[in-house]
Amino acid sequence: MATEFVNKIHPEYPQMIYEALDALQQKEGSNKSSISKYIESKYGNMNDAHSKLLTYHLDRMKQTGELIFLKNNYIKPGPDAPPKRGRGRPPKPKPILPQGTDIAAPKPRGRPKKDPNAPPTPKKPKPTNGPSDLAPVSKTGRPRGRPRKIRPQPPQNGLE
């Protein structure tokens, strides 16, 4: 409702933003506050929703590629500027291949799938060294892991 009211009195926001960028003529672009000040100076006092509408339209124009946002400034894209790649941007143009050319399958990613027809791998037998209550012994002969706690022996004074 607020946008309908503003748009009936003033031109569309994207048009006002383009006018502000053209009038300010800054090489590195113009920030949101300077665009807002220019619009308010040209069209008089705007309503309370002006800052929200300006932010909305600047973001939408940035996402569609109508404006470039660089170092906190908005710039009109030049005719020789390459389109930015990434989210929401057009993909790079692919070279046209002549007809009859076979395209190789893309390289698979990740771990290869298991062969369902392959025989199961044999399990490694566990070594049985010494009694079962001790920790398994490593190649060096010392048990692995933290040694068990040993209760301290009370002193043998002969008093008891």
N, C-alpha and C. Protein backbone atom coordinates (compact mmCIF):
# COMPACT_ATOMS: atom_id res chain seq x y z
N MET A 1 0.82 -1.19 0.00
CA MET A 1 0.00 0.00 0.00
C MET A 1 0.86 1.25 0.00
N ALA A 2 1.94 1.24 0.78
CA ALA A 2 2.83 2.39 0.83
C ALA A 2 3.54 2.56 -0.51
N THR A 3 3.89 1.45 -1.16
CA THR A 3 4.57 1.57 -2.45
C THR A 3 3.65 2.15 -3.51
N GLU A 4 2.36 1.78 -3.45
CA GLU A 4 1.41 2.33 -4.42
C GLU A 4 1.28 3.83 -4.24
N PHE A 5 1.26 4.29 -2.99
CA PHE A 5 1.12 5.72 -2.71
C PHE A 5 2.34 6.48 -3.22
N VAL A 6 3.53 5.95 -2.94
CA VAL A 6 4.75 6.64 -3.34
C VAL A 6 4.89 6.62 -4.86
N ASN A 7 4.58 5.49 -5.49
CA ASN A 7 4.76 5.38 -6.92
C ASN A 7 3.79 6.26 -7.70
N LYS A 8 2.63 6.59 -7.16
CA LYS A 8 1.68 7.45 -7.86
C LYS A 8 2.17 8.89 -7.88
N ILE A 9 2.85 9.31 -6.81
CA ILE A 9 3.32 10.70 -6.73
C ILE A 9 4.67 10.85 -7.43
N HIS A 10 5.55 9.92 -7.21
CA HIS A 10 6.91 9.99 -7.72
C HIS A 10 7.13 8.90 -8.76
N PRO A 11 8.21 9.07 -9.56
CA PRO A 11 8.52 7.99 -10.50
C PRO A 11 8.93 6.71 -9.75
N GLU A 12 9.04 5.64 -10.47
CA GLU A 12 9.43 4.36 -9.86
C GLU A 12 10.79 4.50 -9.18
N TYR A 13 11.00 3.72 -8.15
CA TYR A 13 12.26 3.78 -7.40
C TYR A 13 13.47 3.45 -8.25
N PRO A 14 13.45 2.39 -9.07
CA PRO A 14 14.64 2.15 -9.89
C PRO A 14 15.00 3.33 -10.79
N GLN A 15 13.98 4.00 -11.32
CA GLN A 15 14.24 5.17 -12.15
C GLN A 15 14.86 6.30 -11.32
N MET A 16 14.36 6.50 -10.11
CA MET A 16 14.93 7.53 -9.24
C MET A 16 16.37 7.18 -8.86
N ILE A 17 16.65 5.91 -8.65
CA ILE A 17 18.01 5.50 -8.28
C ILE A 17 18.97 5.75 -9.44
N TYR A 18 18.53 5.41 -10.68
CA TYR A 18 19.37 5.68 -11.84
C TYR A 18 19.63 7.17 -12.01
N GLU A 19 18.59 7.99 -11.80
CA GLU A 19 18.76 9.44 -11.90
C GLU A 19 19.77 9.94 -10.87
N ALA A 20 19.70 9.41 -9.65
CA ALA A 20 20.62 9.83 -8.60
C ALA A 20 22.05 9.43 -8.95
N LEU A 21 22.25 8.22 -9.46
CA LEU A 21 23.60 7.78 -9.82
C LEU A 21 24.16 8.62 -10.96
N ASP A 22 23.28 8.97 -11.95
CA ASP A 22 23.74 9.81 -13.06
C ASP A 22 24.08 11.22 -12.59
N ALA A 23 23.26 11.76 -11.69
CA ALA A 23 23.47 13.13 -11.24
C ALA A 23 24.68 13.25 -10.32
N LEU A 24 24.91 12.26 -9.49
CA LEU A 24 26.03 12.34 -8.56
C LEU A 24 27.37 12.13 -9.27
N GLN A 25 27.41 11.37 -10.32
CA GLN A 25 28.58 11.17 -11.17
C GLN A 25 29.87 10.94 -10.39
N GLN A 26 29.84 10.01 -9.47
CA GLN A 26 31.05 9.67 -8.75
C GLN A 26 31.66 8.45 -9.40
N LYS A 27 32.98 8.49 -9.60
CA LYS A 27 33.67 7.43 -10.33
C LYS A 27 33.55 6.08 -9.62
N GLU A 28 33.70 6.08 -8.31
CA GLU A 28 33.64 4.83 -7.55
C GLU A 28 32.23 4.50 -7.10
N GLY A 29 31.23 5.21 -7.55
CA GLY A 29 29.84 4.92 -7.21
C GLY A 29 29.35 5.78 -6.06
N SER A 30 28.11 5.55 -5.67
CA SER A 30 27.49 6.33 -4.60
C SER A 30 26.92 5.37 -3.57
N ASN A 31 27.02 5.78 -2.31
CA ASN A 31 26.46 4.92 -1.26
C ASN A 31 24.97 5.22 -1.08
N LYS A 32 24.33 4.41 -0.25
CA LYS A 32 22.88 4.50 -0.09
C LYS A 32 22.46 5.85 0.49
N SER A 33 23.22 6.37 1.42
CA SER A 33 22.82 7.64 2.04
C SER A 33 22.89 8.80 1.05
N SER A 34 23.90 8.82 0.18
CA SER A 34 23.97 9.91 -0.80
C SER A 34 22.86 9.78 -1.84
N ILE A 35 22.51 8.55 -2.22
CA ILE A 35 21.38 8.35 -3.14
C ILE A 35 20.08 8.82 -2.48
N SER A 36 19.90 8.48 -1.21
CA SER A 36 18.70 8.88 -0.49
C SER A 36 18.61 10.40 -0.36
N LYS A 37 19.73 11.05 -0.04
CA LYS A 37 19.73 12.52 0.09
C LYS A 37 19.40 13.19 -1.24
N TYR A 38 19.94 12.65 -2.34
CA TYR A 38 19.64 13.24 -3.64
C TYR A 38 18.15 13.11 -3.96
N ILE A 39 17.58 11.93 -3.72
CA ILE A 39 16.15 11.72 -4.02
C ILE A 39 15.29 12.64 -3.17
N GLU A 40 15.64 12.79 -1.88
CA GLU A 40 14.85 13.68 -1.01
C GLU A 40 14.99 15.13 -1.43
N SER A 41 16.19 15.53 -1.90
CA SER A 41 16.36 16.93 -2.33
C SER A 41 15.60 17.21 -3.62
N LYS A 42 15.52 16.22 -4.50
CA LYS A 42 14.84 16.45 -5.78
C LYS A 42 13.32 16.34 -5.66
N TYR A 43 12.83 15.34 -4.89
CA TYR A 43 11.39 15.10 -4.82
C TYR A 43 10.77 15.59 -3.52
N GLY A 44 11.50 16.30 -2.71
CA GLY A 44 10.94 16.82 -1.46
C GLY A 44 10.91 15.75 -0.38
N ASN A 45 10.22 16.06 0.70
CA ASN A 45 10.15 15.10 1.81
C ASN A 45 9.41 13.84 1.36
N MET A 46 10.05 12.72 1.62
CA MET A 46 9.44 11.44 1.29
C MET A 46 8.74 10.92 2.55
N ASN A 47 7.90 9.92 2.38
CA ASN A 47 7.18 9.39 3.55
C ASN A 47 8.11 8.53 4.39
N ASP A 48 7.58 7.98 5.47
CA ASP A 48 8.39 7.22 6.42
C ASP A 48 8.96 5.94 5.81
N ALA A 49 8.30 5.37 4.84
CA ALA A 49 8.74 4.10 4.26
C ALA A 49 9.83 4.29 3.21
N HIS A 50 10.27 5.52 3.01
CA HIS A 50 11.26 5.80 1.95
C HIS A 50 12.54 4.99 2.14
N SER A 51 13.08 4.97 3.35
CA SER A 51 14.36 4.27 3.56
C SER A 51 14.20 2.76 3.35
N LYS A 52 13.05 2.21 3.78
CA LYS A 52 12.83 0.78 3.59
C LYS A 52 12.64 0.45 2.11
N LEU A 53 11.89 1.29 1.41
CA LEU A 53 11.68 1.05 -0.02
C LEU A 53 12.98 1.20 -0.80
N LEU A 54 13.79 2.19 -0.44
CA LEU A 54 15.06 2.39 -1.12
C LEU A 54 15.97 1.18 -0.90
N THR A 55 16.04 0.70 0.33
CA THR A 55 16.86 -0.48 0.64
C THR A 55 16.37 -1.68 -0.16
N TYR A 56 15.06 -1.88 -0.19
CA TYR A 56 14.48 -3.01 -0.92
C TYR A 56 14.84 -2.95 -2.40
N HIS A 57 14.65 -1.79 -3.01
CA HIS A 57 14.90 -1.67 -4.45
C HIS A 57 16.40 -1.76 -4.77
N LEU A 58 17.25 -1.21 -3.91
CA LEU A 58 18.69 -1.33 -4.14
C LEU A 58 19.12 -2.79 -4.07
N ASP A 59 18.61 -3.54 -3.08
CA ASP A 59 18.95 -4.95 -2.97
C ASP A 59 18.44 -5.75 -4.17
N ARG A 60 17.23 -5.46 -4.59
CA ARG A 60 16.66 -6.18 -5.73
C ARG A 60 17.44 -5.89 -7.00
N MET A 61 17.83 -4.62 -7.20
CA MET A 61 18.60 -4.25 -8.39
C MET A 61 20.00 -4.85 -8.34
N LYS A 62 20.52 -5.00 -7.14
CA LYS A 62 21.84 -5.62 -6.99
C LYS A 62 21.76 -7.10 -7.33
N GLN A 63 20.69 -7.78 -6.88
CA GLN A 63 20.55 -9.21 -7.13
C GLN A 63 20.28 -9.51 -8.60
N THR A 64 19.54 -8.65 -9.27
CA THR A 64 19.24 -8.89 -10.68
C THR A 64 20.38 -8.47 -11.59
N GLY A 65 21.39 -7.78 -11.06
CA GLY A 65 22.53 -7.38 -11.86
C GLY A 65 22.40 -6.01 -12.49
N GLU A 66 21.34 -5.27 -12.14
CA GLU A 66 21.17 -3.92 -12.68
C GLU A 66 22.17 -2.96 -12.06
N LEU A 67 22.60 -3.23 -10.83
CA LEU A 67 23.61 -2.44 -10.15
C LEU A 67 24.70 -3.35 -9.63
N ILE A 68 25.90 -2.80 -9.49
CA ILE A 68 27.01 -3.52 -8.90
C ILE A 68 27.29 -2.89 -7.55
N PHE A 69 27.45 -3.73 -6.53
CA PHE A 69 27.74 -3.25 -5.18
C PHE A 69 29.21 -3.52 -4.90
N LEU A 70 30.01 -2.47 -4.79
CA LEU A 70 31.45 -2.61 -4.60
C LEU A 70 31.92 -1.60 -3.57
N LYS A 71 32.56 -2.08 -2.53
CA LYS A 71 33.12 -1.23 -1.46
C LYS A 71 32.05 -0.29 -0.90
N ASN A 72 30.89 -0.83 -0.58
CA ASN A 72 29.78 -0.10 0.03
C ASN A 72 29.21 0.99 -0.88
N ASN A 73 29.45 0.88 -2.19
CA ASN A 73 28.93 1.84 -3.14
C ASN A 73 28.18 1.11 -4.25
N TYR A 74 27.17 1.76 -4.79
CA TYR A 74 26.39 1.21 -5.90
C TYR A 74 26.86 1.86 -7.19
N ILE A 75 27.11 1.02 -8.21
CA ILE A 75 27.63 1.49 -9.48
C ILE A 75 26.76 0.88 -10.58
N LYS A 76 26.52 1.66 -11.63
CA LYS A 76 25.85 1.11 -12.81
C LYS A 76 26.87 0.28 -13.56
N PRO A 77 26.50 -0.93 -13.98
CA PRO A 77 27.48 -1.75 -14.69
C PRO A 77 27.81 -1.14 -16.04
N GLY A 78 29.09 -1.17 -16.37
CA GLY A 78 29.53 -0.62 -17.65
C GLY A 78 29.27 -1.60 -18.77
N PRO A 79 29.30 -1.12 -20.02
CA PRO A 79 29.04 -2.02 -21.15
C PRO A 79 30.14 -3.06 -21.34
N ASP A 80 31.36 -2.75 -20.90
CA ASP A 80 32.46 -3.69 -21.09
C ASP A 80 32.73 -4.54 -19.86
N ALA A 81 31.97 -4.35 -18.80
CA ALA A 81 32.19 -5.11 -17.56
C ALA A 81 31.68 -6.53 -17.73
N PRO A 82 32.49 -7.52 -17.36
CA PRO A 82 32.01 -8.91 -17.46
C PRO A 82 30.98 -9.19 -16.38
N PRO A 83 30.00 -10.06 -16.66
CA PRO A 83 29.00 -10.37 -15.62
C PRO A 83 29.65 -11.13 -14.49
N LYS A 84 29.25 -10.82 -13.26
CA LYS A 84 29.80 -11.49 -12.10
C LYS A 84 29.26 -12.92 -12.04
N ARG A 85 30.10 -13.83 -11.60
CA ARG A 85 29.69 -15.22 -11.46
C ARG A 85 29.34 -15.49 -10.02
N GLY A 86 28.55 -16.48 -9.78
CA GLY A 86 28.20 -16.85 -8.41
C GLY A 86 26.71 -17.02 -8.28
N ARG A 87 26.20 -16.82 -7.08
CA ARG A 87 24.79 -17.04 -6.81
C ARG A 87 23.93 -16.08 -7.63
N GLY A 88 22.99 -16.64 -8.37
CA GLY A 88 22.04 -15.83 -9.10
C GLY A 88 22.59 -15.17 -10.34
N ARG A 89 23.82 -15.52 -10.73
CA ARG A 89 24.42 -14.90 -11.88
C ARG A 89 24.41 -15.89 -13.04
N PRO A 90 24.45 -15.41 -14.27
CA PRO A 90 24.40 -16.34 -15.40
C PRO A 90 25.68 -17.19 -15.45
N PRO A 91 25.58 -18.42 -15.91
CA PRO A 91 26.77 -19.26 -16.01
C PRO A 91 27.67 -18.79 -17.15
N LYS A 92 28.92 -19.22 -17.10
CA LYS A 92 29.86 -18.87 -18.15
C LYS A 92 29.38 -19.48 -19.47
N PRO A 93 29.58 -18.77 -20.57
CA PRO A 93 29.18 -19.34 -21.86
C PRO A 93 30.08 -20.52 -22.20
N LYS A 94 29.48 -21.61 -22.66
CA LYS A 94 30.24 -22.80 -23.01
C LYS A 94 30.54 -22.78 -24.50
N PRO A 95 31.72 -23.30 -24.88
CA PRO A 95 32.05 -23.30 -26.32
C PRO A 95 31.12 -24.25 -27.07
N ILE A 96 30.80 -23.87 -28.29
CA ILE A 96 29.92 -24.69 -29.11
C ILE A 96 30.75 -25.79 -29.76
N LEU A 97 30.35 -27.04 -29.56
CA LEU A 97 31.07 -28.18 -30.11
C LEU A 97 30.46 -28.57 -31.45
N PRO A 98 31.31 -29.02 -32.38
CA PRO A 98 30.74 -29.47 -33.65
C PRO A 98 29.91 -30.72 -33.46
N GLN A 99 28.94 -30.91 -34.36
CA GLN A 99 28.05 -32.05 -34.22
C GLN A 99 28.82 -33.35 -34.44
N GLY A 100 28.37 -34.38 -33.74
CA GLY A 100 29.02 -35.68 -33.85
C GLY A 100 30.16 -35.86 -32.87
N THR A 101 30.45 -34.86 -32.05
CA THR A 101 31.52 -34.97 -31.06
C THR A 101 30.99 -35.70 -29.84
N ASP A 102 31.72 -36.73 -29.42
CA ASP A 102 31.33 -37.45 -28.21
C ASP A 102 31.89 -36.74 -26.99
N ILE A 103 31.03 -36.55 -26.02
CA ILE A 103 31.45 -35.90 -24.79
C ILE A 103 31.74 -36.98 -23.76
N ALA A 104 32.93 -36.92 -23.18
CA ALA A 104 33.31 -37.91 -22.16
C ALA A 104 32.50 -37.66 -20.90
N ALA A 105 32.25 -38.76 -20.18
CA ALA A 105 31.51 -38.64 -18.93
C ALA A 105 32.36 -37.86 -17.93
N PRO A 106 31.74 -37.07 -17.08
CA PRO A 106 32.53 -36.31 -16.10
C PRO A 106 33.21 -37.25 -15.12
N LYS A 107 34.31 -36.77 -14.58
CA LYS A 107 35.07 -37.57 -13.62
C LYS A 107 34.23 -37.78 -12.37
N PRO A 108 34.11 -39.04 -11.92
CA PRO A 108 33.28 -39.28 -10.72
C PRO A 108 33.93 -38.66 -9.48
N ARG A 109 33.09 -38.25 -8.56
CA ARG A 109 33.58 -37.63 -7.33
C ARG A 109 33.30 -38.53 -6.15
N GLY A 110 34.13 -38.42 -5.15
CA GLY A 110 33.90 -39.16 -3.92
C GLY A 110 34.48 -40.56 -3.98
N ARG A 111 34.15 -41.34 -2.99
CA ARG A 111 34.65 -42.70 -2.88
C ARG A 111 33.91 -43.59 -3.89
N PRO A 112 34.65 -44.49 -4.56
CA PRO A 112 33.97 -45.34 -5.54
C PRO A 112 33.01 -46.31 -4.86
N LYS A 113 31.98 -46.69 -5.59
CA LYS A 113 30.97 -47.61 -5.07
C LYS A 113 31.57 -49.01 -4.94
N LYS A 114 31.05 -49.79 -3.96
CA LYS A 114 31.48 -51.17 -3.79
C LYS A 114 30.88 -52.03 -4.90
N ASP A 115 31.68 -53.01 -5.35
CA ASP A 115 31.20 -53.94 -6.37
C ASP A 115 30.31 -54.98 -5.69
N PRO A 116 29.04 -55.07 -6.08
CA PRO A 116 28.16 -56.03 -5.39
C PRO A 116 28.53 -57.48 -5.69
N ASN A 117 29.26 -57.73 -6.79
CA ASN A 117 29.63 -59.10 -7.15
C ASN A 117 30.97 -59.53 -6.56
N ALA A 118 31.70 -58.62 -5.93
CA ALA A 118 33.02 -58.95 -5.38
C ALA A 118 32.86 -59.83 -4.15
N PRO A 119 33.81 -60.75 -3.94
CA PRO A 119 33.73 -61.59 -2.74
C PRO A 119 34.01 -60.76 -1.49
N PRO A 120 33.44 -61.14 -0.36
CA PRO A 120 33.68 -60.35 0.85
C PRO A 120 35.15 -60.46 1.27
N THR A 121 35.66 -59.42 1.84
CA THR A 121 37.06 -59.41 2.27
C THR A 121 37.19 -60.22 3.56
N PRO A 122 38.26 -61.01 3.69
CA PRO A 122 38.42 -61.79 4.92
C PRO A 122 38.77 -60.89 6.10
N LYS A 123 38.25 -61.23 7.27
CA LYS A 123 38.50 -60.44 8.47
C LYS A 123 39.87 -60.83 9.02
N LYS A 124 40.57 -59.85 9.58
CA LYS A 124 41.87 -60.11 10.18
C LYS A 124 41.67 -60.78 11.53
N PRO A 125 42.42 -61.87 11.79
CA PRO A 125 42.28 -62.51 13.10
C PRO A 125 42.97 -61.68 14.18
N LYS A 126 42.36 -61.62 15.35
CA LYS A 126 42.94 -60.85 16.45
C LYS A 126 44.07 -61.66 17.08
N PRO A 127 45.18 -61.02 17.38
CA PRO A 127 46.28 -61.75 18.02
C PRO A 127 45.92 -62.08 19.47
N THR A 128 46.31 -63.25 19.93
CA THR A 128 46.06 -63.65 21.31
C THR A 128 47.40 -63.73 22.04
N ASN A 129 47.77 -62.64 22.64
CA ASN A 129 49.03 -62.58 23.38
C ASN A 129 48.73 -62.45 24.87
N GLY A 130 49.08 -63.41 25.65
CA GLY A 130 48.96 -63.32 27.09
C GLY A 130 47.54 -63.44 27.57
N PRO A 131 47.37 -63.18 28.87
CA PRO A 131 46.04 -63.29 29.48
C PRO A 131 45.08 -62.25 28.91
N SER A 132 43.78 -62.58 29.00
CA SER A 132 42.77 -61.71 28.41
C SER A 132 42.50 -60.46 29.23
N ASP A 133 42.90 -60.41 30.52
CA ASP A 133 42.61 -59.24 31.33
C ASP A 133 43.59 -58.10 31.08
N LEU A 134 44.70 -58.37 30.42
CA LEU A 134 45.66 -57.31 30.11
C LEU A 134 45.29 -56.64 28.80
N ALA A 135 45.80 -55.44 28.63
CA ALA A 135 45.56 -54.73 27.38
C ALA A 135 46.34 -55.42 26.26
N PRO A 136 45.90 -55.29 25.03
CA PRO A 136 46.62 -55.93 23.93
C PRO A 136 48.04 -55.39 23.84
N VAL A 137 48.95 -56.24 23.47
CA VAL A 137 50.36 -55.88 23.41
C VAL A 137 50.68 -55.40 22.01
N SER A 138 51.47 -54.35 21.93
CA SER A 138 51.84 -53.81 20.63
C SER A 138 53.11 -54.49 20.14
N LYS A 139 53.63 -54.03 19.01
CA LYS A 139 54.83 -54.62 18.43
C LYS A 139 56.05 -54.44 19.32
N THR A 140 56.07 -53.42 20.13
CA THR A 140 57.23 -53.17 20.99
C THR A 140 57.21 -54.01 22.24
N GLY A 141 56.12 -54.68 22.53
CA GLY A 141 56.04 -55.52 23.71
C GLY A 141 55.39 -54.84 24.90
N ARG A 142 55.21 -53.53 24.81
CA ARG A 142 54.55 -52.81 25.90
C ARG A 142 53.05 -52.79 25.65
N PRO A 143 52.25 -52.88 26.72
CA PRO A 143 50.79 -52.81 26.50
C PRO A 143 50.39 -51.43 26.01
N ARG A 144 49.30 -51.39 25.23
CA ARG A 144 48.81 -50.13 24.69
C ARG A 144 47.94 -49.42 25.71
N GLY A 145 47.84 -48.12 25.58
CA GLY A 145 46.93 -47.35 26.40
C GLY A 145 47.53 -46.94 27.74
N ARG A 146 46.68 -46.38 28.56
CA ARG A 146 47.09 -45.88 29.87
C ARG A 146 47.24 -47.07 30.82
N PRO A 147 48.31 -47.07 31.63
CA PRO A 147 48.48 -48.18 32.58
C PRO A 147 47.41 -48.14 33.66
N ARG A 148 47.11 -49.30 34.23
CA ARG A 148 46.10 -49.39 35.27
C ARG A 148 46.57 -48.69 36.53
N LYS A 149 45.57 -48.19 37.29
CA LYS A 149 45.90 -47.56 38.58
C LYS A 149 46.25 -48.65 39.57
N ILE A 150 47.27 -48.39 40.34
CA ILE A 150 47.68 -49.35 41.36
C ILE A 150 47.45 -48.70 42.71
N ARG A 151 46.77 -49.45 43.62
CA ARG A 151 46.53 -48.91 44.96
C ARG A 151 47.86 -48.81 45.70
N PRO A 152 48.05 -47.69 46.35
CA PRO A 152 49.31 -47.60 47.13
C PRO A 152 49.24 -48.55 48.33
N GLN A 153 50.35 -49.22 48.59
CA GLN A 153 50.45 -50.15 49.72
C GLN A 153 50.65 -49.35 51.01
N PRO A 154 49.91 -49.68 52.08
CA PRO A 154 50.16 -48.97 53.34
C PRO A 154 51.55 -49.32 53.85
N PRO A 155 52.20 -48.38 54.55
CA PRO A 155 53.57 -48.63 55.03
C PRO A 155 53.59 -49.77 56.07
N GLN A 156 54.60 -50.60 56.00
CA GLN A 156 54.77 -51.74 56.92
C GLN A 156 55.74 -51.32 58.04
N ASN A 157 55.18 -50.77 59.13
CA ASN A 157 56.01 -50.34 60.25
C ASN A 157 56.09 -51.40 61.33
N GLY A 158 55.23 -52.34 61.29
CA GLY A 158 55.18 -53.37 62.32
C GLY A 158 54.38 -52.96 63.52
N LEU A 159 53.69 -51.84 63.47
CA LEU A 159 52.90 -51.37 64.61
C LEU A 159 51.59 -52.12 64.69
N GLU A 160 51.11 -52.63 63.63
CA GLU A 160 49.82 -53.29 63.67
C GLU A 160 49.91 -54.73 63.97
